[in-house]
């Protein structure tokens, strides 16, 4: 019986915690690492609690095309695009952290998705 009450208190405590979940995507790994470092430095400047960066699986898109337009059917080329992904959670962000992150200028080619949980 005591474990159920403790479990209820724990879930109520977890529900009160707000999170800012940031997913970063880019084609080049060096650019994504630099932008992650910039995001983390900005969040740490305002004493935010950070979880991550968590590397997510790299998405690989492969495209196969014929080298020749007519005769040499077996001669083909393959191209691929690699999309690197990272995940950062900021726990209990205050207004200053959110404002600093919105004013952050990151390099081109970096896609950011921010969700409040």
C-alpha atoms as a PDB file:
ATOM      1  CA  UNK A   1       0.000   0.000   0.000  1.00  0.00           C
ATOM      2  CA  UNK A   2       2.833   2.360   0.797  1.00  0.00           C
ATOM      3  CA  UNK A   3       4.394   1.676  -2.575  1.00  0.00           C
ATOM      4  CA  UNK A   4       1.233   2.812  -4.395  1.00  0.00           C
ATOM      5  CA  UNK A   5       1.194   6.097  -2.464  1.00  0.00           C
ATOM      6  CA  UNK A   6       4.886   6.631  -3.161  1.00  0.00           C
ATOM      7  CA  UNK A   7       4.287   5.855  -6.831  1.00  0.00           C
ATOM      8  CA  UNK A   8       1.436   8.394  -6.991  1.00  0.00           C
ATOM      9  CA  UNK A   9       3.632  11.064  -5.404  1.00  0.00           C
ATOM     10  CA  UNK A  10       6.426  10.275  -7.830  1.00  0.00           C
ATOM     11  CA  UNK A  11       4.188  10.526 -10.904  1.00  0.00           C
ATOM     12  CA  UNK A  12       2.678  13.787  -9.643  1.00  0.00           C
ATOM     13  CA  UNK A  13       6.172  15.153  -9.169  1.00  0.00           C
ATOM     14  CA  UNK A  14       7.211  14.060 -12.684  1.00  0.00           C
ATOM     15  CA  UNK A  15       4.116  15.708 -14.193  1.00  0.00           C
ATOM     16  CA  UNK A  16       5.061  19.094 -12.738  1.00  0.00           C
ATOM     17  CA  UNK A  17       8.434  19.003 -14.528  1.00  0.00           C
ATOM     18  CA  UNK A  18       8.381  20.852 -17.834  1.00  0.00           C
ATOM     19  CA  UNK A  19      10.864  20.103 -20.582  1.00  0.00           C
ATOM     20  CA  UNK A  20      12.086  21.801 -23.676  1.00  0.00           C
ATOM     21  CA  UNK A  21      12.972  19.082 -26.204  1.00  0.00           C
ATOM     22  CA  UNK A  22      15.264  20.229 -29.028  1.00  0.00           C
ATOM     23  CA  UNK A  23      15.868  18.007 -32.070  1.00  0.00           C
ATOM     24  CA  UNK A  24      18.698  19.137 -34.314  1.00  0.00           C
ATOM     25  CA  UNK A  25      19.218  17.762 -37.839  1.00  0.00           C
ATOM     26  CA  UNK A  26      21.997  18.510 -40.333  1.00  0.00           C
ATOM     27  CA  UNK A  27      23.792  16.979 -43.288  1.00  0.00           C
ATOM     28  CA  UNK A  28      27.304  17.481 -41.873  1.00  0.00           C
ATOM     29  CA  UNK A  29      28.360  16.127 -38.500  1.00  0.00           C
ATOM     30  CA  UNK A  30      30.858  18.928 -37.751  1.00  0.00           C
ATOM     31  CA  UNK A  31      28.230  21.622 -38.250  1.00  0.00           C
ATOM     32  CA  UNK A  32      25.726  19.816 -36.033  1.00  0.00           C
ATOM     33  CA  UNK A  33      28.314  19.358 -33.274  1.00  0.00           C
ATOM     34  CA  UNK A  34      29.200  23.065 -33.390  1.00  0.00           C
ATOM     35  CA  UNK A  35      25.562  24.113 -33.209  1.00  0.00           C
ATOM     36  CA  UNK A  36      24.883  21.682 -30.327  1.00  0.00           C
ATOM     37  CA  UNK A  37      27.810  23.177 -28.433  1.00  0.00           C
ATOM     38  CA  UNK A  38      26.428  26.664 -29.044  1.00  0.00           C
ATOM     39  CA  UNK A  39      22.963  25.636 -27.763  1.00  0.00           C
ATOM     40  CA  UNK A  40      24.445  23.992 -24.664  1.00  0.00           C
ATOM     41  CA  UNK A  41      26.638  27.013 -23.868  1.00  0.00           C
ATOM     42  CA  UNK A  42      23.620  29.300 -24.151  1.00  0.00           C
ATOM     43  CA  UNK A  43      21.525  27.114 -21.844  1.00  0.00           C
ATOM     44  CA  UNK A  44      24.328  26.707 -19.286  1.00  0.00           C
ATOM     45  CA  UNK A  45      24.876  30.478 -19.203  1.00  0.00           C
ATOM     46  CA  UNK A  46      21.391  30.807 -17.658  1.00  0.00           C
ATOM     47  CA  UNK A  47      21.880  27.837 -15.252  1.00  0.00           C
ATOM     48  CA  UNK A  48      19.516  25.444 -17.001  1.00  0.00           C
ATOM     49  CA  UNK A  49      19.613  21.681 -16.441  1.00  0.00           C
ATOM     50  CA  UNK A  50      20.580  19.876 -19.638  1.00  0.00           C
ATOM     51  CA  UNK A  51      20.180  16.223 -20.597  1.00  0.00           C
ATOM     52  CA  UNK A  52      22.167  15.269 -23.654  1.00  0.00           C
ATOM     53  CA  UNK A  53      23.180  15.649 -26.386  1.00  0.00           C
ATOM     54  CA  UNK A  54      21.845  12.244 -27.327  1.00  0.00           C
ATOM     55  CA  UNK A  55      22.950  11.043 -30.778  1.00  0.00           C
ATOM     56  CA  UNK A  56      20.052   9.566 -32.719  1.00  0.00           C
ATOM     57  CA  UNK A  57      20.523   7.110 -35.609  1.00  0.00           C
ATOM     58  CA  UNK A  58      21.797   8.647 -38.818  1.00  0.00           C
ATOM     59  CA  UNK A  59      19.173   8.599 -41.535  1.00  0.00           C
ATOM     60  CA  UNK A  60      20.656   7.397 -44.846  1.00  0.00           C
ATOM     61  CA  UNK A  61      18.808   7.966 -48.100  1.00  0.00           C
ATOM     62  CA  UNK A  62      20.255   6.080 -51.077  1.00  0.00           C
ATOM     63  CA  UNK A  63      19.513   6.842 -54.711  1.00  0.00           C
ATOM     64  CA  UNK A  64      20.494   4.573 -57.615  1.00  0.00           C
ATOM     65  CA  UNK A  65      20.660   5.967 -61.138  1.00  0.00           C
ATOM     66  CA  UNK A  66      21.701   4.552 -64.497  1.00  0.00           C
ATOM     67  CA  UNK A  67      25.005   5.889 -65.819  1.00  0.00           C
ATOM     68  CA  UNK A  68      23.918   5.528 -69.389  1.00  0.00           C
ATOM     69  CA  UNK A  69      20.569   6.550 -70.747  1.00  0.00           C
ATOM     70  CA  UNK A  70      20.144   3.720 -73.270  1.00  0.00           C
ATOM     71  CA  UNK A  71      22.468   0.745 -73.584  1.00  0.00           C
ATOM     72  CA  UNK A  72      24.554  -0.101 -70.546  1.00  0.00           C
ATOM     73  CA  UNK A  73      21.784  -1.072 -68.158  1.00  0.00           C
ATOM     74  CA  UNK A  74      24.065  -2.814 -65.639  1.00  0.00           C
ATOM     75  CA  UNK A  75      26.257   0.248 -65.198  1.00  0.00           C
ATOM     76  CA  UNK A  76      24.745   2.216 -62.308  1.00  0.00           C
ATOM     77  CA  UNK A  77      25.771   4.822 -59.791  1.00  0.00           C
ATOM     78  CA  UNK A  78      24.663   5.150 -56.177  1.00  0.00           C
ATOM     79  CA  UNK A  79      24.388   8.370 -54.231  1.00  0.00           C
ATOM     80  CA  UNK A  80      23.497   8.797 -50.600  1.00  0.00           C
ATOM     81  CA  UNK A  81      22.480  11.576 -48.259  1.00  0.00           C
ATOM     82  CA  UNK A  82      23.252  11.236 -44.571  1.00  0.00           C
ATOM     83  CA  UNK A  83      21.153  13.183 -42.098  1.00  0.00           C
ATOM     84  CA  UNK A  84      22.726  13.388 -38.637  1.00  0.00           C
ATOM     85  CA  UNK A  85      20.412  13.931 -35.651  1.00  0.00           C
ATOM     86  CA  UNK A  86      20.898  14.963 -32.035  1.00  0.00           C
ATOM     87  CA  UNK A  87      18.478  15.416 -29.128  1.00  0.00           C
ATOM     88  CA  UNK A  88      18.773  17.786 -26.164  1.00  0.00           C
ATOM     89  CA  UNK A  89      16.377  18.102 -23.224  1.00  0.00           C
ATOM     90  CA  UNK A  90      16.339  21.229 -21.078  1.00  0.00           C
ATOM     91  CA  UNK A  91      14.535  20.580 -17.810  1.00  0.00           C
ATOM     92  CA  UNK A  92      12.471  23.381 -16.216  1.00  0.00           C
ATOM     93  CA  UNK A  93      13.533  26.178 -18.595  1.00  0.00           C
ATOM     94  CA  UNK A  94      12.866  29.737 -17.494  1.00  0.00           C
ATOM     95  CA  UNK A  95      11.882  32.624 -19.754  1.00  0.00           C
ATOM     96  CA  UNK A  96      15.467  33.865 -20.137  1.00  0.00           C
ATOM     97  CA  UNK A  97      16.641  30.505 -21.522  1.00  0.00           C
ATOM     98  CA  UNK A  98      13.797  30.335 -24.041  1.00  0.00           C
ATOM     99  CA  UNK A  99      14.414  33.920 -25.170  1.00  0.00           C
ATOM    100  CA  UNK A 100      18.153  33.320 -25.554  1.00  0.00           C
ATOM    101  CA  UNK A 101      17.546  30.157 -27.591  1.00  0.00           C
ATOM    102  CA  UNK A 102      15.112  31.920 -29.942  1.00  0.00           C
ATOM    103  CA  UNK A 103      17.640  34.709 -30.589  1.00  0.00           C
ATOM    104  CA  UNK A 104      20.413  32.205 -31.330  1.00  0.00           C
ATOM    105  CA  UNK A 105      21.825  32.340 -34.853  1.00  0.00           C
ATOM    106  CA  UNK A 106      22.961  28.951 -36.124  1.00  0.00           C
ATOM    107  CA  UNK A 107      24.707  28.045 -39.391  1.00  0.00           C
ATOM    108  CA  UNK A 108      22.675  27.352 -42.508  1.00  0.00           C
ATOM    109  CA  UNK A 109      21.826  23.714 -43.124  1.00  0.00           C
ATOM    110  CA  UNK A 110      20.872  23.093 -39.491  1.00  0.00           C
ATOM    111  CA  UNK A 111      17.209  22.272 -38.859  1.00  0.00           C
ATOM    112  CA  UNK A 112      15.842  22.684 -35.326  1.00  0.00           C
ATOM    113  CA  UNK A 113      12.560  21.406 -33.886  1.00  0.00           C
ATOM    114  CA  UNK A 114      11.635  22.685 -30.417  1.00  0.00           C
ATOM    115  CA  UNK A 115       8.813  21.149 -28.385  1.00  0.00           C
ATOM    116  CA  UNK A 116       7.571  21.968 -24.915  1.00  0.00           C
ATOM    117  CA  UNK A 117       6.649  18.846 -22.980  1.00  0.00           C
END
